[in-house]
Amino acid sequence: MNNRTELTSQTRGKEHPLLKKSRVWIGLLRSAIALFLGFLAIVLFPFWTNEALHTLALLSSGMFGIYDMRSNLLLLTNNSLFVVLGSYIAASLAPHYPMRHALALGVVELTRSIWIVIFRATTNDMGPVWYATTLAVTALPCAWLGGFLRRRQPAEA
């Protein structure tokens, strides 16, 4: 018997180890891409929307605009909706465990929001600290909501 027949007869009905390793790496790559695209949605979409709101004069501008309650509530709603959307995107693109991907993105957003709280608390005239604190408090619930909305959808065939 030659080596080729021994290899096929020994692995018949079993997955080859190299094929199994490549599937693991592909799964990890798909997870990383899902998290990256969800994070981009959380960071870029609010920025673009804020710019559009400033252009349409729906947000107060200038030094005292950052203390305007209406503007801060609009920004908070905007950012929260995009955390839900980004988590939904990550859960949708995840190869396995969509809720874990959504919550992992929530932890990243929580960490980012905590840094914003620290920056705003230590820097003068950067707006109210309650705004950044509310971003941090709502990061995980919004990420969970994004994962939950994805999980409620029927599975694709």
N, C-alpha and C. Protein backbone atom coordinates (compact mmCIF):
# COMPACT_ATOMS: atom_id res chain seq x y z
N MET A 1 0.84 -1.18 0.00
CA MET A 1 0.00 0.00 0.00
C MET A 1 0.89 1.25 0.00
N ASN A 2 0.55 2.21 -0.82
CA ASN A 2 1.36 3.43 -0.83
C ASN A 2 0.84 4.43 0.21
N ASN A 3 1.56 5.52 0.39
CA ASN A 3 1.20 6.51 1.43
C ASN A 3 -0.15 7.17 1.17
N ARG A 4 -0.46 7.39 -0.11
CA ARG A 4 -1.71 8.07 -0.43
C ARG A 4 -2.90 7.22 -0.02
N THR A 5 -2.86 5.93 -0.27
CA THR A 5 -3.99 5.08 0.11
C THR A 5 -4.08 4.95 1.62
N GLU A 6 -2.96 4.92 2.30
CA GLU A 6 -3.00 4.84 3.76
C GLU A 6 -3.64 6.10 4.35
N LEU A 7 -3.27 7.25 3.80
CA LEU A 7 -3.82 8.50 4.30
C LEU A 7 -5.32 8.57 4.09
N THR A 8 -5.78 8.17 2.91
CA THR A 8 -7.21 8.25 2.66
C THR A 8 -7.98 7.19 3.43
N SER A 9 -7.41 6.02 3.61
CA SER A 9 -8.14 5.00 4.34
C SER A 9 -8.19 5.32 5.84
N GLN A 10 -7.16 5.98 6.36
CA GLN A 10 -7.16 6.33 7.78
C GLN A 10 -8.08 7.51 8.07
N THR A 11 -8.23 8.40 7.11
CA THR A 11 -9.02 9.60 7.37
C THR A 11 -10.40 9.52 6.73
N ARG A 12 -10.75 8.38 6.16
CA ARG A 12 -12.06 8.26 5.53
C ARG A 12 -13.15 8.46 6.59
N GLY A 13 -14.06 9.35 6.30
CA GLY A 13 -15.13 9.63 7.24
C GLY A 13 -14.75 10.65 8.29
N LYS A 14 -13.49 11.04 8.33
CA LYS A 14 -13.03 12.05 9.28
C LYS A 14 -12.54 13.27 8.52
N GLU A 15 -12.56 14.40 9.19
CA GLU A 15 -12.06 15.62 8.57
C GLU A 15 -10.55 15.69 8.73
N HIS A 16 -9.88 16.07 7.68
CA HIS A 16 -8.43 16.19 7.72
C HIS A 16 -8.04 17.32 8.67
N PRO A 17 -6.99 17.16 9.48
CA PRO A 17 -6.61 18.17 10.47
C PRO A 17 -6.31 19.55 9.86
N LEU A 18 -5.70 19.56 8.68
CA LEU A 18 -5.40 20.86 8.06
C LEU A 18 -6.68 21.58 7.63
N LEU A 19 -7.65 20.82 7.17
CA LEU A 19 -8.93 21.42 6.79
C LEU A 19 -9.63 21.98 8.02
N LYS A 20 -9.54 21.25 9.12
CA LYS A 20 -10.16 21.72 10.36
C LYS A 20 -9.51 23.01 10.84
N LYS A 21 -8.16 23.10 10.77
CA LYS A 21 -7.46 24.31 11.18
C LYS A 21 -7.83 25.49 10.30
N SER A 22 -7.96 25.26 8.99
CA SER A 22 -8.30 26.37 8.10
C SER A 22 -9.71 26.88 8.38
N ARG A 23 -10.63 25.99 8.75
CA ARG A 23 -11.98 26.42 9.08
C ARG A 23 -11.98 27.27 10.36
N VAL A 24 -11.13 26.92 11.30
CA VAL A 24 -11.02 27.71 12.53
C VAL A 24 -10.52 29.11 12.20
N TRP A 25 -9.47 29.20 11.37
CA TRP A 25 -8.93 30.50 11.01
C TRP A 25 -9.92 31.33 10.22
N ILE A 26 -10.68 30.70 9.35
CA ILE A 26 -11.69 31.43 8.58
C ILE A 26 -12.78 31.95 9.52
N GLY A 27 -13.17 31.16 10.51
CA GLY A 27 -14.16 31.60 11.49
C GLY A 27 -13.65 32.78 12.30
N LEU A 28 -12.39 32.72 12.71
CA LEU A 28 -11.80 33.84 13.47
C LEU A 28 -11.72 35.10 12.62
N LEU A 29 -11.37 34.92 11.36
CA LEU A 29 -11.30 36.07 10.47
C LEU A 29 -12.69 36.68 10.25
N ARG A 30 -13.69 35.85 10.08
CA ARG A 30 -15.06 36.36 9.91
C ARG A 30 -15.53 37.07 11.18
N SER A 31 -15.16 36.56 12.35
CA SER A 31 -15.51 37.22 13.61
C SER A 31 -14.84 38.59 13.71
N ALA A 32 -13.57 38.64 13.35
CA ALA A 32 -12.84 39.91 13.42
C ALA A 32 -13.43 40.92 12.44
N ILE A 33 -13.80 40.48 11.25
CA ILE A 33 -14.40 41.38 10.27
C ILE A 33 -15.76 41.87 10.77
N ALA A 34 -16.55 40.98 11.37
CA ALA A 34 -17.86 41.37 11.91
C ALA A 34 -17.71 42.43 12.99
N LEU A 35 -16.78 42.24 13.90
CA LEU A 35 -16.56 43.21 14.97
C LEU A 35 -16.02 44.54 14.42
N PHE A 36 -15.12 44.46 13.45
CA PHE A 36 -14.55 45.66 12.87
C PHE A 36 -15.61 46.49 12.15
N LEU A 37 -16.45 45.84 11.35
CA LEU A 37 -17.50 46.56 10.63
C LEU A 37 -18.55 47.14 11.59
N GLY A 38 -18.86 46.39 12.65
CA GLY A 38 -19.78 46.92 13.65
C GLY A 38 -19.19 48.13 14.36
N PHE A 39 -17.90 48.07 14.67
CA PHE A 39 -17.23 49.19 15.31
C PHE A 39 -17.19 50.41 14.39
N LEU A 40 -16.93 50.19 13.11
CA LEU A 40 -16.94 51.30 12.16
C LEU A 40 -18.31 51.96 12.11
N ALA A 41 -19.36 51.15 12.16
CA ALA A 41 -20.72 51.70 12.16
C ALA A 41 -20.96 52.54 13.41
N ILE A 42 -20.45 52.10 14.53
CA ILE A 42 -20.63 52.84 15.79
C ILE A 42 -19.85 54.15 15.79
N VAL A 43 -18.70 54.17 15.15
CA VAL A 43 -17.85 55.37 15.17
C VAL A 43 -18.17 56.33 14.02
N LEU A 44 -18.30 55.80 12.81
CA LEU A 44 -18.43 56.67 11.65
C LEU A 44 -19.85 57.20 11.42
N PHE A 45 -20.86 56.35 11.58
CA PHE A 45 -22.22 56.80 11.31
C PHE A 45 -22.65 57.96 12.21
N PRO A 46 -22.37 57.93 13.52
CA PRO A 46 -22.74 59.10 14.33
C PRO A 46 -21.99 60.36 13.90
N PHE A 47 -20.73 60.20 13.53
CA PHE A 47 -19.95 61.36 13.09
C PHE A 47 -20.59 61.98 11.85
N TRP A 48 -20.90 61.16 10.87
CA TRP A 48 -21.52 61.67 9.65
C TRP A 48 -22.89 62.28 9.93
N THR A 49 -23.66 61.64 10.80
CA THR A 49 -24.98 62.16 11.13
C THR A 49 -24.86 63.49 11.87
N ASN A 50 -23.91 63.59 12.79
CA ASN A 50 -23.70 64.85 13.51
C ASN A 50 -23.33 65.97 12.55
N GLU A 51 -22.48 65.66 11.58
CA GLU A 51 -22.11 66.67 10.59
C GLU A 51 -23.32 67.11 9.77
N ALA A 52 -24.16 66.16 9.41
CA ALA A 52 -25.37 66.49 8.65
C ALA A 52 -26.32 67.34 9.50
N LEU A 53 -26.45 67.00 10.78
CA LEU A 53 -27.32 67.78 11.66
C LEU A 53 -26.79 69.20 11.87
N HIS A 54 -25.48 69.35 11.93
CA HIS A 54 -24.89 70.69 12.02
C HIS A 54 -25.15 71.48 10.73
N THR A 55 -25.01 70.80 9.59
CA THR A 55 -25.25 71.46 8.31
C THR A 55 -26.70 71.92 8.18
N LEU A 56 -27.62 71.10 8.66
CA LEU A 56 -29.04 71.45 8.60
C LEU A 56 -29.46 72.39 9.73
N ALA A 57 -28.52 72.78 10.56
CA ALA A 57 -28.75 73.69 11.69
C ALA A 57 -29.73 73.11 12.70
N LEU A 58 -29.76 71.79 12.84
CA LEU A 58 -30.59 71.15 13.86
C LEU A 58 -29.86 71.02 15.19
N LEU A 59 -28.54 71.14 15.15
CA LEU A 59 -27.73 71.11 16.37
C LEU A 59 -27.18 72.51 16.62
N SER A 60 -27.15 72.88 17.88
CA SER A 60 -26.55 74.17 18.24
C SER A 60 -25.05 74.08 18.01
N SER A 61 -24.50 75.16 17.53
CA SER A 61 -23.06 75.17 17.32
C SER A 61 -22.45 76.27 18.16
N GLY A 62 -21.15 76.32 18.15
CA GLY A 62 -20.46 77.33 18.95
C GLY A 62 -20.09 76.77 20.31
N MET A 63 -19.46 77.59 21.10
CA MET A 63 -18.95 77.16 22.39
C MET A 63 -20.06 76.74 23.35
N PHE A 64 -21.18 77.45 23.34
CA PHE A 64 -22.23 77.13 24.30
C PHE A 64 -23.21 76.11 23.76
N GLY A 65 -23.06 75.71 22.51
CA GLY A 65 -23.92 74.69 21.94
C GLY A 65 -23.73 73.33 22.58
N ILE A 66 -22.54 73.10 23.12
CA ILE A 66 -22.29 71.80 23.74
C ILE A 66 -23.01 71.67 25.08
N TYR A 67 -23.54 72.77 25.59
CA TYR A 67 -24.30 72.71 26.84
C TYR A 67 -25.81 72.78 26.60
N ASP A 68 -26.23 72.83 25.36
CA ASP A 68 -27.64 72.87 25.02
C ASP A 68 -28.26 71.49 25.26
N MET A 69 -29.30 71.44 26.09
CA MET A 69 -29.93 70.17 26.47
C MET A 69 -30.52 69.46 25.25
N ARG A 70 -31.19 70.19 24.38
CA ARG A 70 -31.82 69.58 23.21
C ARG A 70 -30.77 68.94 22.30
N SER A 71 -29.67 69.64 22.09
CA SER A 71 -28.60 69.11 21.24
C SER A 71 -27.98 67.86 21.86
N ASN A 72 -27.75 67.90 23.15
CA ASN A 72 -27.15 66.73 23.81
C ASN A 72 -28.08 65.52 23.78
N LEU A 73 -29.37 65.74 23.97
CA LEU A 73 -30.32 64.62 23.90
C LEU A 73 -30.41 64.05 22.48
N LEU A 74 -30.34 64.93 21.49
CA LEU A 74 -30.35 64.47 20.11
C LEU A 74 -29.09 63.66 19.79
N LEU A 75 -27.96 64.13 20.25
CA LEU A 75 -26.70 63.39 20.05
C LEU A 75 -26.69 62.06 20.80
N LEU A 76 -27.24 62.06 22.00
CA LEU A 76 -27.30 60.83 22.79
C LEU A 76 -28.20 59.80 22.10
N THR A 77 -29.33 60.23 21.59
CA THR A 77 -30.23 59.33 20.85
C THR A 77 -29.54 58.81 19.60
N ASN A 78 -28.89 59.70 18.89
CA ASN A 78 -28.16 59.35 17.68
C ASN A 78 -27.10 58.29 17.97
N ASN A 79 -26.27 58.52 18.97
CA ASN A 79 -25.21 57.57 19.30
C ASN A 79 -25.77 56.24 19.78
N SER A 80 -26.83 56.27 20.57
CA SER A 80 -27.42 55.02 21.06
C SER A 80 -27.99 54.18 19.92
N LEU A 81 -28.66 54.84 18.98
CA LEU A 81 -29.20 54.11 17.83
C LEU A 81 -28.09 53.46 17.00
N PHE A 82 -26.98 54.15 16.87
CA PHE A 82 -25.89 53.57 16.09
C PHE A 82 -25.13 52.48 16.85
N VAL A 83 -25.16 52.49 18.16
CA VAL A 83 -24.61 51.34 18.91
C VAL A 83 -25.49 50.12 18.67
N VAL A 84 -26.81 50.32 18.67
CA VAL A 84 -27.72 49.21 18.36
C VAL A 84 -27.46 48.71 16.95
N LEU A 85 -27.33 49.62 15.99
CA LEU A 85 -27.09 49.23 14.60
C LEU A 85 -25.75 48.52 14.44
N GLY A 86 -24.70 49.05 15.04
CA GLY A 86 -23.38 48.42 14.94
C GLY A 86 -23.36 47.03 15.55
N SER A 87 -24.03 46.86 16.67
CA SER A 87 -24.11 45.54 17.31
C SER A 87 -24.94 44.59 16.47
N TYR A 88 -25.97 45.10 15.85
CA TYR A 88 -26.78 44.29 14.94
C TYR A 88 -25.95 43.82 13.75
N ILE A 89 -25.14 44.72 13.20
CA ILE A 89 -24.27 44.36 12.07
C ILE A 89 -23.27 43.30 12.50
N ALA A 90 -22.65 43.47 13.65
CA ALA A 90 -21.68 42.48 14.14
C ALA A 90 -22.35 41.13 14.37
N ALA A 91 -23.54 41.14 14.94
CA ALA A 91 -24.25 39.88 15.19
C ALA A 91 -24.69 39.23 13.88
N SER A 92 -25.04 40.04 12.90
CA SER A 92 -25.48 39.49 11.61
C SER A 92 -24.33 38.85 10.85
N LEU A 93 -23.16 39.42 10.94
CA LEU A 93 -22.01 38.92 10.19
C LEU A 93 -21.23 37.85 10.94
N ALA A 94 -21.55 37.65 12.21
CA ALA A 94 -20.81 36.69 13.03
C ALA A 94 -21.07 35.26 12.53
N PRO A 95 -20.01 34.46 12.43
CA PRO A 95 -20.21 33.08 11.98
C PRO A 95 -20.90 32.21 13.03
N HIS A 96 -20.67 32.49 14.29
CA HIS A 96 -21.27 31.75 15.40
C HIS A 96 -21.47 32.73 16.56
N TYR A 97 -22.37 32.39 17.47
CA TYR A 97 -22.60 33.15 18.69
C TYR A 97 -22.83 34.65 18.43
N PRO A 98 -23.90 35.00 17.75
CA PRO A 98 -24.12 36.42 17.42
C PRO A 98 -24.26 37.33 18.64
N MET A 99 -24.89 36.84 19.70
CA MET A 99 -25.06 37.69 20.89
C MET A 99 -23.71 37.99 21.54
N ARG A 100 -22.80 37.05 21.52
CA ARG A 100 -21.46 37.31 22.09
C ARG A 100 -20.74 38.38 21.30
N HIS A 101 -20.89 38.36 19.98
CA HIS A 101 -20.26 39.39 19.16
C HIS A 101 -20.86 40.76 19.45
N ALA A 102 -22.17 40.82 19.59
CA ALA A 102 -22.83 42.09 19.89
C ALA A 102 -22.37 42.62 21.24
N LEU A 103 -22.31 41.75 22.24
CA LEU A 103 -21.90 42.19 23.58
C LEU A 103 -20.41 42.53 23.63
N ALA A 104 -19.60 41.84 22.84
CA ALA A 104 -18.18 42.19 22.78
C ALA A 104 -18.02 43.61 22.23
N LEU A 105 -18.82 43.93 21.25
CA LEU A 105 -18.80 45.29 20.72
C LEU A 105 -19.31 46.28 21.76
N GLY A 106 -20.27 45.86 22.57
CA GLY A 106 -20.75 46.69 23.66
C GLY A 106 -19.67 46.98 24.69
N VAL A 107 -18.85 45.99 24.97
CA VAL A 107 -17.74 46.19 25.93
C VAL A 107 -16.71 47.16 25.34
N VAL A 108 -16.45 47.06 24.04
CA VAL A 108 -15.54 48.01 23.39
C VAL A 108 -16.11 49.42 23.47
N GLU A 109 -17.40 49.56 23.21
CA GLU A 109 -18.04 50.88 23.29
C GLU A 109 -18.07 51.40 24.73
N LEU A 110 -18.27 50.52 25.69
CA LEU A 110 -18.24 50.92 27.09
C LEU A 110 -16.85 51.46 27.46
N THR A 111 -15.81 50.76 27.03
CA THR A 111 -14.44 51.20 27.31
C THR A 111 -14.17 52.55 26.65
N ARG A 112 -14.60 52.70 25.42
CA ARG A 112 -14.42 53.97 24.71
C ARG A 112 -15.18 55.09 25.42
N SER A 113 -16.38 54.80 25.88
CA SER A 113 -17.18 55.81 26.58
C SER A 113 -16.58 56.19 27.92
N ILE A 114 -15.99 55.24 28.61
CA ILE A 114 -15.33 55.55 29.89
C ILE A 114 -14.16 56.50 29.66
N TRP A 115 -13.42 56.29 28.57
CA TRP A 115 -12.32 57.21 28.24
C TRP A 115 -12.86 58.60 27.93
N ILE A 116 -14.02 58.67 27.29
CA ILE A 116 -14.64 59.97 27.01
C ILE A 116 -15.06 60.64 28.32
N VAL A 117 -15.59 59.87 29.26
CA VAL A 117 -15.97 60.42 30.57
C VAL A 117 -14.74 61.00 31.26
N ILE A 118 -13.66 60.25 31.29
CA ILE A 118 -12.43 60.71 31.94
C ILE A 118 -11.92 61.99 31.27
N PHE A 119 -11.94 62.00 29.93
CA PHE A 119 -11.47 63.18 29.20
C PHE A 119 -12.34 64.39 29.50
N ARG A 120 -13.64 64.21 29.48
CA ARG A 120 -14.55 65.34 29.73
C ARG A 120 -14.47 65.82 31.19
N ALA A 121 -14.25 64.89 32.11
CA ALA A 121 -14.19 65.29 33.52
C ALA A 121 -12.91 66.05 33.84
N THR A 122 -11.85 65.79 33.09
CA THR A 122 -10.56 66.42 33.40
C THR A 122 -10.27 67.63 32.51
N THR A 123 -11.10 67.88 31.52
CA THR A 123 -10.87 68.99 30.60
C THR A 123 -12.00 70.00 30.76
N ASN A 124 -11.65 71.24 30.85
CA ASN A 124 -12.66 72.29 30.97
C ASN A 124 -13.32 72.57 29.63
N ASP A 125 -14.58 72.97 29.70
CA ASP A 125 -15.34 73.40 28.53
C ASP A 125 -15.42 72.34 27.42
N MET A 126 -15.60 71.10 27.80
CA MET A 126 -15.80 70.05 26.80
C MET A 126 -17.23 69.50 26.86
N GLY A 127 -18.11 70.21 27.47
CA GLY A 127 -19.50 69.76 27.55
C GLY A 127 -19.79 69.09 28.88
N PRO A 128 -21.05 68.75 29.07
CA PRO A 128 -21.44 68.16 30.35
C PRO A 128 -20.94 66.73 30.50
N VAL A 129 -20.55 66.40 31.72
CA VAL A 129 -20.06 65.05 31.99
C VAL A 129 -21.21 64.05 31.96
N TRP A 130 -22.43 64.49 32.26
CA TRP A 130 -23.57 63.57 32.27
C TRP A 130 -23.79 62.95 30.89
N TYR A 131 -23.48 63.70 29.83
CA TYR A 131 -23.67 63.17 28.49
C TYR A 131 -22.75 61.97 28.26
N ALA A 132 -21.49 62.12 28.57
CA ALA A 132 -20.53 61.02 28.39
C ALA A 132 -20.83 59.86 29.33
N THR A 133 -21.26 60.18 30.55
CA THR A 133 -21.62 59.13 31.50
C THR A 133 -22.81 58.33 31.01
N THR A 134 -23.79 59.02 30.43
CA THR A 134 -24.96 58.32 29.89
C THR A 134 -24.57 57.44 28.71
N LEU A 135 -23.62 57.88 27.89
CA LEU A 135 -23.11 57.03 26.81
C LEU A 135 -22.53 55.74 27.37
N ALA A 136 -21.77 55.86 28.46
CA ALA A 136 -21.15 54.69 29.06
C ALA A 136 -22.20 53.76 29.67
N VAL A 137 -23.20 54.33 30.31
CA VAL A 137 -24.23 53.52 30.96
C VAL A 137 -25.09 52.78 29.95
N THR A 138 -25.34 53.41 28.81
CA THR A 138 -26.23 52.80 27.81
C THR A 138 -25.50 51.91 26.80
N ALA A 139 -24.18 51.83 26.86
CA ALA A 139 -23.43 51.07 25.85
C ALA A 139 -23.82 49.59 25.84
N LEU A 140 -23.79 48.93 26.97
CA LEU A 140 -24.11 47.49 27.01
C LEU A 140 -25.57 47.20 26.73
N PRO A 141 -26.53 47.95 27.30
CA PRO A 141 -27.93 47.67 26.95
C PRO A 141 -28.23 47.87 25.46
N CYS A 142 -27.63 48.89 24.85
CA CYS A 142 -27.86 49.11 23.42
C CYS A 142 -27.23 47.99 22.59
N ALA A 143 -26.04 47.54 22.99
CA ALA A 143 -25.40 46.43 22.28
C ALA A 143 -26.22 45.15 22.43
N TRP A 144 -26.74 44.92 23.62
CA TRP A 144 -27.60 43.74 23.83
C TRP A 144 -28.84 43.83 22.95
N LEU A 145 -29.42 45.02 22.84
CA LEU A 145 -30.62 45.19 22.00
C LEU A 145 -30.31 44.87 20.53
N GLY A 146 -29.15 45.30 20.04
CA GLY A 146 -28.75 44.97 18.67
C GLY A 146 -28.63 43.48 18.46
N GLY A 147 -28.00 42.78 19.41
CA GLY A 147 -27.89 41.32 19.32
C GLY A 147 -29.23 40.64 19.44
N PHE A 148 -30.09 41.17 20.31
CA PHE A 148 -31.42 40.59 20.50
C PHE A 148 -32.26 40.74 19.23
N LEU A 149 -32.20 41.90 18.60
CA LEU A 149 -32.96 42.11 17.36
C LEU A 149 -32.50 41.16 16.26
N ARG A 150 -31.19 40.91 16.21
CA ARG A 150 -30.68 39.97 15.20
C ARG A 150 -31.11 38.55 15.53
N ARG A 151 -31.09 38.20 16.79
CA ARG A 151 -31.45 36.84 17.19
C ARG A 151 -32.92 36.55 16.95
N ARG A 152 -33.75 37.57 16.99
CA ARG A 152 -35.19 37.38 16.77
C ARG A 152 -35.54 37.10 15.32
N GLN A 153 -34.63 37.44 14.41
CA GLN A 153 -34.90 37.20 12.99
C GLN A 153 -34.81 35.70 12.70
N PRO A 154 -35.61 35.23 11.75
CA PRO A 154 -35.53 33.81 11.40
C PRO A 154 -34.18 33.49 10.75
N ALA A 155 -33.74 32.27 10.99
CA ALA A 155 -32.44 31.85 10.45
C ALA A 155 -32.53 31.73 8.93
N GLU A 156 -31.44 32.11 8.26
CA GLU A 156 -31.39 32.02 6.81
C GLU A 156 -31.10 30.58 6.41
N ALA A 157 -31.65 30.20 5.30
CA ALA A 157 -31.47 28.82 4.83
C ALA A 157 -30.17 28.65 4.09
